[in-house]
Amino acid sequence: MSDKTDSATDPEFDDFEGDHFQVTITVDVIASNPTEAAMLAYWSLNDELPDTFDVKDEAGNSEEITLTEEQKEEALLDELSLDVL
C-alpha cells in the first residue's frame, strides 16, 4: 500500500500491535464544489454512521465489510479496546 505509515518512522505506531489496514468510507453527494462535497459528506457521517466499510490490507487486498447490529453495538461500547488513531 503506497500510503501506509511506516512504524519505524512514526512513533505513534509504537504502542499498537497487529497488522495495518486502510478503511475507506465512501459518501456519494451532489455538490457545486469539492469543499461543499466534503461538508455534505461530514454532515452525512455525523447524522448517520455507515455500516459498510472497504477494508484494505497491507498487500492491497480489499474486502467490503458490513457490520451486523451486534457488531455495531459492540464497537460503540466504552469497554471495547480498539487501537484507533
N, C-alpha and C. Protein backbone atom coordinates (compact mmCIF):
# COMPACT_ATOMS: atom_id res chain seq x y z
N MET A 1 0.86 -1.16 0.00
CA MET A 1 0.00 0.00 0.00
C MET A 1 0.90 1.22 0.00
N SER A 2 0.78 2.08 -0.96
CA SER A 2 1.72 3.17 -1.13
C SER A 2 1.62 4.23 -0.04
N ASP A 3 0.46 4.39 0.57
CA ASP A 3 0.30 5.44 1.56
C ASP A 3 0.32 4.89 2.99
N LYS A 4 0.83 3.69 3.18
CA LYS A 4 0.85 3.12 4.51
C LYS A 4 1.88 3.84 5.37
N THR A 5 1.61 3.92 6.64
CA THR A 5 2.51 4.56 7.57
C THR A 5 3.59 3.58 7.99
N ASP A 6 4.82 4.00 7.95
CA ASP A 6 5.94 3.16 8.33
C ASP A 6 6.13 3.26 9.84
N SER A 7 5.93 2.15 10.55
CA SER A 7 6.02 2.17 12.00
C SER A 7 7.42 2.55 12.48
N ALA A 8 8.42 2.36 11.65
CA ALA A 8 9.78 2.72 12.05
C ALA A 8 9.97 4.22 12.11
N THR A 9 9.19 4.98 11.36
CA THR A 9 9.34 6.43 11.34
C THR A 9 8.21 7.15 12.05
N ASP A 10 7.17 6.45 12.45
CA ASP A 10 6.02 7.08 13.11
C ASP A 10 5.91 6.55 14.54
N PRO A 11 6.34 7.36 15.53
CA PRO A 11 6.32 6.89 16.92
C PRO A 11 4.92 6.60 17.45
N GLU A 12 3.88 7.15 16.82
CA GLU A 12 2.52 6.88 17.28
C GLU A 12 2.14 5.42 17.10
N PHE A 13 2.83 4.69 16.23
CA PHE A 13 2.52 3.29 15.99
C PHE A 13 3.26 2.36 16.96
N ASP A 14 4.16 2.88 17.78
CA ASP A 14 4.94 2.04 18.69
C ASP A 14 4.07 1.28 19.67
N ASP A 15 2.96 1.86 20.11
CA ASP A 15 2.11 1.25 21.13
C ASP A 15 1.07 0.30 20.55
N PHE A 16 1.00 0.15 19.24
CA PHE A 16 -0.03 -0.66 18.61
C PHE A 16 0.53 -1.99 18.15
N GLU A 17 -0.28 -3.03 18.30
CA GLU A 17 0.10 -4.35 17.82
C GLU A 17 -0.91 -4.78 16.78
N GLY A 18 -0.47 -5.51 15.77
CA GLY A 18 -1.37 -6.01 14.75
C GLY A 18 -0.95 -5.54 13.38
N ASP A 19 -1.77 -5.88 12.41
CA ASP A 19 -1.50 -5.54 11.03
C ASP A 19 -2.08 -4.18 10.68
N HIS A 20 -1.54 -3.55 9.66
CA HIS A 20 -2.00 -2.25 9.19
C HIS A 20 -3.12 -2.46 8.17
N PHE A 21 -4.23 -1.75 8.35
CA PHE A 21 -5.34 -1.78 7.42
C PHE A 21 -5.73 -0.37 7.07
N GLN A 22 -6.23 -0.18 5.87
CA GLN A 22 -6.77 1.11 5.45
C GLN A 22 -8.27 0.92 5.26
N VAL A 23 -9.07 1.71 5.98
CA VAL A 23 -10.52 1.62 5.90
C VAL A 23 -11.05 2.84 5.19
N THR A 24 -11.84 2.61 4.15
CA THR A 24 -12.39 3.70 3.35
C THR A 24 -13.90 3.74 3.52
N ILE A 25 -14.41 4.93 3.79
CA ILE A 25 -15.85 5.16 3.83
C ILE A 25 -16.18 6.05 2.65
N THR A 26 -17.08 5.61 1.81
CA THR A 26 -17.46 6.39 0.63
C THR A 26 -18.83 7.00 0.85
N VAL A 27 -18.92 8.30 0.63
CA VAL A 27 -20.19 9.00 0.73
C VAL A 27 -20.44 9.67 -0.61
N ASP A 28 -21.52 9.30 -1.28
CA ASP A 28 -21.87 9.92 -2.56
C ASP A 28 -22.74 11.15 -2.29
N VAL A 29 -22.31 12.29 -2.81
CA VAL A 29 -23.07 13.54 -2.64
C VAL A 29 -23.11 14.28 -3.97
N ILE A 30 -24.06 15.18 -4.07
CA ILE A 30 -24.14 16.09 -5.21
C ILE A 30 -23.86 17.48 -4.66
N ALA A 31 -22.82 18.12 -5.19
CA ALA A 31 -22.40 19.42 -4.66
C ALA A 31 -21.87 20.28 -5.80
N SER A 32 -21.73 21.57 -5.50
CA SER A 32 -21.26 22.51 -6.52
C SER A 32 -19.74 22.66 -6.55
N ASN A 33 -19.04 22.19 -5.48
CA ASN A 33 -17.58 22.27 -5.45
C ASN A 33 -17.04 21.25 -4.44
N PRO A 34 -15.74 20.98 -4.46
CA PRO A 34 -15.16 19.97 -3.56
C PRO A 34 -15.36 20.27 -2.08
N THR A 35 -15.27 21.54 -1.69
CA THR A 35 -15.45 21.88 -0.28
C THR A 35 -16.87 21.59 0.16
N GLU A 36 -17.83 21.96 -0.66
CA GLU A 36 -19.23 21.67 -0.33
C GLU A 36 -19.45 20.16 -0.27
N ALA A 37 -18.82 19.42 -1.17
CA ALA A 37 -18.95 17.96 -1.16
C ALA A 37 -18.41 17.38 0.15
N ALA A 38 -17.24 17.87 0.59
CA ALA A 38 -16.66 17.41 1.85
C ALA A 38 -17.56 17.77 3.03
N MET A 39 -18.12 18.96 3.01
CA MET A 39 -19.01 19.39 4.09
C MET A 39 -20.28 18.53 4.12
N LEU A 40 -20.83 18.22 2.95
CA LEU A 40 -22.02 17.37 2.90
C LEU A 40 -21.70 15.96 3.38
N ALA A 41 -20.52 15.45 3.03
CA ALA A 41 -20.12 14.12 3.50
C ALA A 41 -19.97 14.12 5.02
N TYR A 42 -19.34 15.16 5.55
CA TYR A 42 -19.18 15.28 7.00
C TYR A 42 -20.54 15.31 7.68
N TRP A 43 -21.45 16.11 7.16
CA TRP A 43 -22.80 16.20 7.72
C TRP A 43 -23.48 14.84 7.67
N SER A 44 -23.34 14.16 6.55
CA SER A 44 -23.96 12.85 6.38
C SER A 44 -23.42 11.84 7.38
N LEU A 45 -22.10 11.81 7.56
CA LEU A 45 -21.49 10.88 8.50
C LEU A 45 -21.83 11.23 9.94
N ASN A 46 -21.94 12.51 10.22
CA ASN A 46 -22.30 12.95 11.56
C ASN A 46 -23.73 12.56 11.89
N ASP A 47 -24.59 12.56 10.87
CA ASP A 47 -26.01 12.25 11.06
C ASP A 47 -26.25 10.75 11.21
N GLU A 48 -25.56 9.95 10.42
CA GLU A 48 -25.78 8.50 10.45
C GLU A 48 -24.49 7.78 10.08
N LEU A 49 -24.00 6.99 11.01
CA LEU A 49 -22.77 6.25 10.76
C LEU A 49 -23.02 5.13 9.75
N PRO A 50 -22.09 4.90 8.84
CA PRO A 50 -22.26 3.80 7.88
C PRO A 50 -22.05 2.45 8.57
N ASP A 51 -22.54 1.39 7.95
CA ASP A 51 -22.30 0.06 8.49
C ASP A 51 -21.49 -0.81 7.53
N THR A 52 -21.13 -0.24 6.37
CA THR A 52 -20.32 -0.97 5.39
C THR A 52 -19.03 -0.19 5.14
N PHE A 53 -17.92 -0.91 5.16
CA PHE A 53 -16.60 -0.31 5.02
C PHE A 53 -15.78 -1.09 4.01
N ASP A 54 -14.95 -0.40 3.25
CA ASP A 54 -13.99 -1.03 2.36
C ASP A 54 -12.68 -1.12 3.14
N VAL A 55 -12.24 -2.33 3.44
CA VAL A 55 -11.04 -2.54 4.25
C VAL A 55 -9.95 -3.14 3.37
N LYS A 56 -8.80 -2.46 3.34
CA LYS A 56 -7.67 -2.89 2.50
C LYS A 56 -6.49 -3.23 3.41
N ASP A 57 -5.89 -4.40 3.18
CA ASP A 57 -4.73 -4.79 3.98
C ASP A 57 -3.44 -4.27 3.35
N GLU A 58 -2.31 -4.56 4.01
CA GLU A 58 -1.02 -4.05 3.54
C GLU A 58 -0.66 -4.52 2.14
N ALA A 59 -1.16 -5.68 1.76
CA ALA A 59 -0.86 -6.22 0.43
C ALA A 59 -1.74 -5.59 -0.65
N GLY A 60 -2.70 -4.77 -0.24
CA GLY A 60 -3.59 -4.11 -1.19
C GLY A 60 -4.85 -4.89 -1.48
N ASN A 61 -5.05 -6.01 -0.78
CA ASN A 61 -6.28 -6.79 -0.95
C ASN A 61 -7.43 -6.07 -0.27
N SER A 62 -8.51 -5.88 -0.99
CA SER A 62 -9.64 -5.11 -0.50
C SER A 62 -10.82 -6.03 -0.24
N GLU A 63 -11.53 -5.76 0.85
CA GLU A 63 -12.71 -6.55 1.21
C GLU A 63 -13.77 -5.61 1.76
N GLU A 64 -15.00 -5.77 1.30
CA GLU A 64 -16.10 -4.97 1.82
C GLU A 64 -16.66 -5.66 3.05
N ILE A 65 -16.69 -4.95 4.17
CA ILE A 65 -17.16 -5.49 5.44
C ILE A 65 -18.42 -4.75 5.85
N THR A 66 -19.49 -5.49 6.08
CA THR A 66 -20.73 -4.92 6.60
C THR A 66 -20.92 -5.44 8.01
N LEU A 67 -20.99 -4.51 8.96
CA LEU A 67 -21.15 -4.89 10.36
C LEU A 67 -22.59 -5.27 10.67
N THR A 68 -22.74 -6.28 11.52
CA THR A 68 -24.07 -6.67 11.99
C THR A 68 -24.50 -5.68 13.08
N GLU A 69 -25.76 -5.72 13.45
CA GLU A 69 -26.24 -4.84 14.52
C GLU A 69 -25.46 -5.11 15.81
N GLU A 70 -25.20 -6.37 16.10
CA GLU A 70 -24.44 -6.74 17.30
C GLU A 70 -23.02 -6.18 17.25
N GLN A 71 -22.37 -6.26 16.10
CA GLN A 71 -21.01 -5.73 15.95
C GLN A 71 -21.00 -4.21 16.10
N LYS A 72 -22.02 -3.52 15.57
CA LYS A 72 -22.08 -2.06 15.70
C LYS A 72 -22.25 -1.67 17.16
N GLU A 73 -23.11 -2.39 17.89
CA GLU A 73 -23.30 -2.10 19.31
C GLU A 73 -22.01 -2.34 20.08
N GLU A 74 -21.32 -3.44 19.78
CA GLU A 74 -20.06 -3.76 20.45
C GLU A 74 -19.00 -2.70 20.17
N ALA A 75 -18.96 -2.20 18.94
CA ALA A 75 -17.96 -1.19 18.57
C ALA A 75 -18.15 0.11 19.34
N LEU A 76 -19.38 0.39 19.77
CA LEU A 76 -19.66 1.63 20.48
C LEU A 76 -19.54 1.51 22.00
N LEU A 77 -19.29 0.31 22.50
CA LEU A 77 -19.15 0.11 23.94
C LEU A 77 -17.88 0.78 24.46
N ASP A 78 -17.99 1.41 25.62
CA ASP A 78 -16.84 2.09 26.22
C ASP A 78 -15.72 1.12 26.56
N GLU A 79 -16.07 -0.10 26.95
CA GLU A 79 -15.04 -1.03 27.39
C GLU A 79 -14.36 -1.76 26.24
N LEU A 80 -14.79 -1.53 25.00
CA LEU A 80 -14.14 -2.17 23.86
C LEU A 80 -12.75 -1.58 23.69
N SER A 81 -11.76 -2.42 23.62
CA SER A 81 -10.38 -1.96 23.50
C SER A 81 -9.96 -2.01 22.04
N LEU A 82 -10.02 -0.87 21.38
CA LEU A 82 -9.62 -0.77 19.98
C LEU A 82 -8.41 0.14 19.87
N ASP A 83 -7.50 -0.19 18.99
CA ASP A 83 -6.37 0.68 18.70
C ASP A 83 -6.76 1.54 17.52
N VAL A 84 -7.30 2.72 17.80
CA VAL A 84 -7.78 3.61 16.75
C VAL A 84 -6.97 4.89 16.81
N LEU A 85 -6.47 5.31 15.67
CA LEU A 85 -5.70 6.56 15.61
C LEU A 85 -6.64 7.72 15.49
